[in-house]
Amino acid sequence: MPDLLERTLSEHTADSEGYCRECRDATGVSASWPCVTRELAEQARSMNGAAPDDAPASSTVAGRRRARDLSATAGAEGSGRHQSP
């Protein structure tokens, strides 16, 4: 269902404060962006082959987040400090 996928990607975007525009609960609290729905939609797009073949894993929000987390972990280990999970 490519139309649902594209609609999900276009709706689950960051607002000016870094929260998802769509993921709000009844009290108005919003999920930080990228939300889980956005990450799943990007993963589905890449599995579907909609992303260019030569696009690196870091071209998705989830890929960039993993790269950032790995980089921070490597930096903390190199300095002798450890981050708590």
N, C-alpha and C. Protein backbone atom coordinates (compact mmCIF):
# COMPACT_ATOMS: atom_id res chain seq x y z
N MET A 1 0.83 -1.18 0.00
CA MET A 1 0.00 0.00 0.00
C MET A 1 0.88 1.25 0.00
N PRO A 2 1.45 1.56 -1.14
CA PRO A 2 2.39 2.69 -1.21
C PRO A 2 1.75 4.03 -0.84
N ASP A 3 0.46 4.19 -1.11
CA ASP A 3 -0.19 5.47 -0.76
C ASP A 3 -0.24 5.66 0.76
N LEU A 4 -0.50 4.59 1.50
CA LEU A 4 -0.51 4.67 2.96
C LEU A 4 0.89 4.97 3.49
N LEU A 5 1.87 4.33 2.92
CA LEU A 5 3.25 4.55 3.33
C LEU A 5 3.66 6.00 3.12
N GLU A 6 3.40 6.53 1.95
CA GLU A 6 3.79 7.91 1.67
C GLU A 6 3.01 8.90 2.53
N ARG A 7 1.74 8.62 2.79
CA ARG A 7 0.95 9.49 3.65
C ARG A 7 1.51 9.48 5.08
N THR A 8 1.88 8.30 5.56
CA THR A 8 2.46 8.19 6.90
C THR A 8 3.75 8.98 6.98
N LEU A 9 4.60 8.85 5.99
CA LEU A 9 5.87 9.60 5.98
C LEU A 9 5.64 11.11 5.92
N SER A 10 4.63 11.54 5.19
CA SER A 10 4.39 12.98 5.08
C SER A 10 3.72 13.54 6.33
N GLU A 11 2.96 12.73 7.05
CA GLU A 11 2.27 13.22 8.25
C GLU A 11 3.15 13.19 9.50
N HIS A 12 4.00 12.21 9.63
CA HIS A 12 4.83 12.07 10.82
C HIS A 12 6.14 12.81 10.62
N THR A 13 6.05 14.13 10.75
CA THR A 13 7.20 15.02 10.59
C THR A 13 7.43 15.79 11.89
N ALA A 14 8.58 16.39 12.01
CA ALA A 14 8.93 17.12 13.22
C ALA A 14 8.30 18.51 13.22
N ASP A 15 7.87 18.93 14.41
CA ASP A 15 7.43 20.31 14.55
C ASP A 15 8.64 21.17 14.91
N SER A 16 8.42 22.43 15.21
CA SER A 16 9.53 23.35 15.48
C SER A 16 10.29 23.02 16.76
N GLU A 17 9.69 22.20 17.63
CA GLU A 17 10.35 21.84 18.89
C GLU A 17 10.93 20.44 18.89
N GLY A 18 10.86 19.74 17.75
CA GLY A 18 11.44 18.42 17.64
C GLY A 18 10.53 17.28 18.08
N TYR A 19 9.22 17.51 18.02
CA TYR A 19 8.25 16.48 18.35
C TYR A 19 7.45 16.12 17.11
N CYS A 20 6.89 14.91 17.10
CA CYS A 20 6.09 14.46 15.97
C CYS A 20 4.77 15.23 15.94
N ARG A 21 4.38 15.68 14.74
CA ARG A 21 3.15 16.43 14.59
C ARG A 21 1.90 15.55 14.78
N GLU A 22 2.02 14.26 14.54
CA GLU A 22 0.86 13.36 14.58
C GLU A 22 0.72 12.57 15.87
N CYS A 23 1.80 12.24 16.51
CA CYS A 23 1.76 11.36 17.69
C CYS A 23 1.52 12.16 18.96
N ARG A 24 0.26 12.39 19.25
CA ARG A 24 -0.12 13.11 20.47
C ARG A 24 -1.16 12.29 21.22
N ASP A 25 -1.03 12.26 22.54
CA ASP A 25 -2.03 11.56 23.32
C ASP A 25 -3.16 12.52 23.70
N ALA A 26 -4.11 12.05 24.50
CA ALA A 26 -5.28 12.85 24.84
C ALA A 26 -4.93 14.14 25.59
N THR A 27 -3.80 14.15 26.29
CA THR A 27 -3.41 15.35 27.04
C THR A 27 -2.62 16.33 26.18
N GLY A 28 -2.30 15.95 24.95
CA GLY A 28 -1.56 16.82 24.06
C GLY A 28 -0.06 16.58 24.07
N VAL A 29 0.40 15.63 24.89
CA VAL A 29 1.82 15.31 24.94
C VAL A 29 2.19 14.58 23.66
N SER A 30 3.28 14.98 23.07
CA SER A 30 3.70 14.42 21.79
C SER A 30 4.96 13.59 21.95
N ALA A 31 5.12 12.61 21.07
CA ALA A 31 6.32 11.78 21.04
C ALA A 31 7.46 12.57 20.42
N SER A 32 8.67 12.34 20.89
CA SER A 32 9.82 13.00 20.28
C SER A 32 9.99 12.44 18.86
N TRP A 33 10.52 13.28 17.99
CA TRP A 33 10.69 12.88 16.59
C TRP A 33 12.13 12.49 16.37
N PRO A 34 12.40 11.44 15.68
CA PRO A 34 11.47 10.61 14.92
C PRO A 34 10.71 9.65 15.82
N CYS A 35 9.42 9.57 15.60
CA CYS A 35 8.58 8.67 16.38
C CYS A 35 8.73 7.24 15.84
N VAL A 36 8.22 6.30 16.58
CA VAL A 36 8.31 4.89 16.18
C VAL A 36 7.59 4.67 14.85
N THR A 37 6.44 5.34 14.67
CA THR A 37 5.70 5.18 13.42
C THR A 37 6.52 5.64 12.23
N ARG A 38 7.22 6.76 12.36
CA ARG A 38 8.08 7.26 11.28
C ARG A 38 9.20 6.29 10.98
N GLU A 39 9.84 5.76 12.04
CA GLU A 39 10.93 4.82 11.85
C GLU A 39 10.46 3.55 11.15
N LEU A 40 9.29 3.05 11.54
CA LEU A 40 8.75 1.85 10.89
C LEU A 40 8.40 2.12 9.43
N ALA A 41 7.85 3.28 9.15
CA ALA A 41 7.51 3.62 7.77
C ALA A 41 8.76 3.73 6.91
N GLU A 42 9.82 4.32 7.45
CA GLU A 42 11.07 4.40 6.70
C GLU A 42 11.67 3.02 6.46
N GLN A 43 11.58 2.16 7.47
CA GLN A 43 12.08 0.80 7.30
C GLN A 43 11.27 0.07 6.23
N ALA A 44 9.95 0.23 6.25
CA ALA A 44 9.10 -0.40 5.25
C ALA A 44 9.43 0.11 3.85
N ARG A 45 9.69 1.41 3.73
CA ARG A 45 10.04 1.98 2.43
C ARG A 45 11.35 1.38 1.93
N SER A 46 12.33 1.24 2.81
CA SER A 46 13.62 0.69 2.37
C SER A 46 13.50 -0.80 2.05
N MET A 47 12.66 -1.53 2.76
CA MET A 47 12.45 -2.96 2.48
C MET A 47 11.68 -3.15 1.18
N ASN A 48 10.83 -2.21 0.87
CA ASN A 48 10.01 -2.27 -0.33
C ASN A 48 10.82 -1.92 -1.58
N GLY A 49 12.00 -1.40 -1.37
CA GLY A 49 12.84 -1.03 -2.51
C GLY A 49 12.54 0.36 -3.03
N ALA A 50 11.76 1.14 -2.30
CA ALA A 50 11.42 2.48 -2.75
C ALA A 50 12.59 3.44 -2.59
N ALA A 51 13.51 3.12 -1.69
CA ALA A 51 14.70 3.96 -1.52
C ALA A 51 15.71 3.58 -2.60
N PRO A 52 16.52 4.52 -3.04
CA PRO A 52 17.54 4.20 -4.04
C PRO A 52 18.47 3.09 -3.55
N ASP A 53 18.89 2.24 -4.48
CA ASP A 53 19.75 1.10 -4.13
C ASP A 53 21.07 1.55 -3.51
N ASP A 54 21.58 2.69 -3.93
CA ASP A 54 22.87 3.14 -3.43
C ASP A 54 22.75 4.01 -2.18
N ALA A 55 21.53 4.14 -1.64
CA ALA A 55 21.34 4.94 -0.44
C ALA A 55 21.92 4.21 0.77
N PRO A 56 22.77 4.86 1.54
CA PRO A 56 23.34 4.20 2.72
C PRO A 56 22.29 4.03 3.80
N ALA A 57 22.56 3.16 4.77
CA ALA A 57 21.63 2.93 5.87
C ALA A 57 21.38 4.22 6.64
N SER A 58 22.34 5.13 6.62
CA SER A 58 22.19 6.37 7.36
C SER A 58 21.27 7.36 6.65
N SER A 59 20.67 6.97 5.52
CA SER A 59 19.75 7.87 4.84
C SER A 59 18.37 7.85 5.48
N THR A 60 18.12 6.93 6.41
CA THR A 60 16.86 6.92 7.14
C THR A 60 17.07 7.53 8.51
N VAL A 61 16.00 7.97 9.12
CA VAL A 61 16.09 8.54 10.46
C VAL A 61 16.62 7.50 11.43
N ALA A 62 16.12 6.28 11.33
CA ALA A 62 16.58 5.21 12.23
C ALA A 62 18.07 4.94 12.02
N GLY A 63 18.53 4.96 10.78
CA GLY A 63 19.94 4.74 10.50
C GLY A 63 20.81 5.83 11.09
N ARG A 64 20.34 7.09 10.96
CA ARG A 64 21.11 8.19 11.54
C ARG A 64 21.14 8.11 13.05
N ARG A 65 20.01 7.69 13.66
CA ARG A 65 19.97 7.56 15.12
C ARG A 65 20.92 6.47 15.57
N ARG A 66 20.93 5.32 14.88
CA ARG A 66 21.85 4.25 15.25
C ARG A 66 23.29 4.70 15.11
N ALA A 67 23.61 5.40 14.04
CA ALA A 67 24.97 5.89 13.83
C ALA A 67 25.37 6.85 14.94
N ARG A 68 24.47 7.74 15.33
CA ARG A 68 24.75 8.69 16.40
C ARG A 68 24.96 7.96 17.72
N ASP A 69 24.10 6.98 18.01
CA ASP A 69 24.22 6.22 19.26
C ASP A 69 25.53 5.44 19.29
N LEU A 70 25.90 4.82 18.18
CA LEU A 70 27.15 4.06 18.13
C LEU A 70 28.34 4.99 18.27
N SER A 71 28.26 6.16 17.67
CA SER A 71 29.34 7.12 17.75
C SER A 71 29.50 7.61 19.19
N ALA A 72 28.40 7.88 19.86
CA ALA A 72 28.47 8.35 21.25
C ALA A 72 29.01 7.26 22.16
N THR A 73 28.62 6.02 21.92
CA THR A 73 29.11 4.91 22.73
C THR A 73 30.60 4.72 22.52
N ALA A 74 31.05 4.79 21.28
CA ALA A 74 32.47 4.63 20.98
C ALA A 74 33.28 5.75 21.61
N GLY A 75 32.75 6.97 21.58
CA GLY A 75 33.45 8.10 22.17
C GLY A 75 33.55 7.97 23.67
N ALA A 76 32.50 7.47 24.31
CA ALA A 76 32.50 7.31 25.77
C ALA A 76 33.46 6.20 26.18
N GLU A 77 33.53 5.14 25.40
CA GLU A 77 34.44 4.03 25.71
C GLU A 77 35.88 4.48 25.53
N GLY A 78 36.12 5.30 24.52
CA GLY A 78 37.48 5.76 24.26
C GLY A 78 37.98 6.71 25.33
N SER A 79 37.08 7.41 25.99
CA SER A 79 37.48 8.36 27.03
C SER A 79 37.49 7.73 28.41
N GLY A 80 37.14 6.46 28.50
CA GLY A 80 37.12 5.78 29.78
C GLY A 80 35.84 5.96 30.54
N ARG A 81 34.90 6.71 29.95
CA ARG A 81 33.60 6.91 30.60
C ARG A 81 32.59 6.04 29.91
N HIS A 82 31.63 5.57 30.64
CA HIS A 82 30.57 4.74 30.07
C HIS A 82 29.24 5.43 30.27
N GLN A 83 28.41 5.33 29.24
CA GLN A 83 27.08 5.89 29.32
C GLN A 83 26.13 4.82 29.82
N SER A 84 25.17 5.22 30.62
CA SER A 84 24.15 4.26 31.04
C SER A 84 23.12 4.13 29.93
N PRO A 85 22.53 2.94 29.74
CA PRO A 85 21.59 2.74 28.64
C PRO A 85 20.33 3.53 28.76
